[in-house]
Amino acid sequence: MTSGTRAGRGPRVVLFDLDDTLVVTAEVKWAHHKAVARRFYGIDLTDAELALHWGKPFDAMIRALYRDSDTLERMREANLSLEEEFLKRPLPGAVEVVHELWRRSVGVGVVTSTNRLSALRDVERIGLRTDRLVLLQGADDSPHHKPDPRVFDAALATLSGRGVGVDDVWYVGDALIDLAAATGAGLRFVGVATGFHTREDFERAGAEHVLDDVRQLPDLLP
């Protein structure tokens, strides 16, 4: 369960969670949600409320955080209007790791609980070419959400159509819901302790591979 553990046959495709796996999110977006809630709806969000709803699909999360104070579309617009004040940034080494995977001819994709348009902007903003991704799936692209393993159904169907089987796909994420969804779908899971869950949390939950951060991922490759 250490960063030096070898994973046997290497992946043909690595799918990443986005938030707090490739980009710094909780630190930035908790402040963002607090600002939106206060400025538009007069709500003073607490860290406890944010922690309770963090990791939910984006639309469900903002409905809970902003307490259904407006239509979903208007709450999305309110959130978007302050986005430039609270931009996500890449986690150390994340961009370099993706480029290293591409250098080794490993496909890279993203399956995230963030809505698709926001995820595309996040990926482009940190300097990664979205046209090089094998796929990018946002929360609004699937009726299923982590920890439900069916969240991977569409992605795996896309990859299968390209001749990539489930045994050749790894999923990298920072949360226990990532672990549950990935292992339930038959994917090899790699945990990164850059979110709310520690190495010990992942190991207690049965994760085979746990890294301090995504920079150690190439060490797992054959």
Foldseek 3Di string as FASTA:
>chain_A
DELLDADPAAFQAEEEEPDLAWWPDPVQVVVLLQCLLCPPPVDRDDPVLCVVLPQAQPLVSQCSSNVVPDDSVVSVVSSVVCDVVRAIETDPCNVVLCVVCVVVNRAYEYQYSYADVVVVCNCVVHPHDPVRHLYYHYNVNDPDGFLALCSCVVVQVSVVVVVGHQANYEYEYADVSSVNNQVVVVHQYAHEPRDDDHPVNCVVVPRPHYYPGPNSVVSRHD
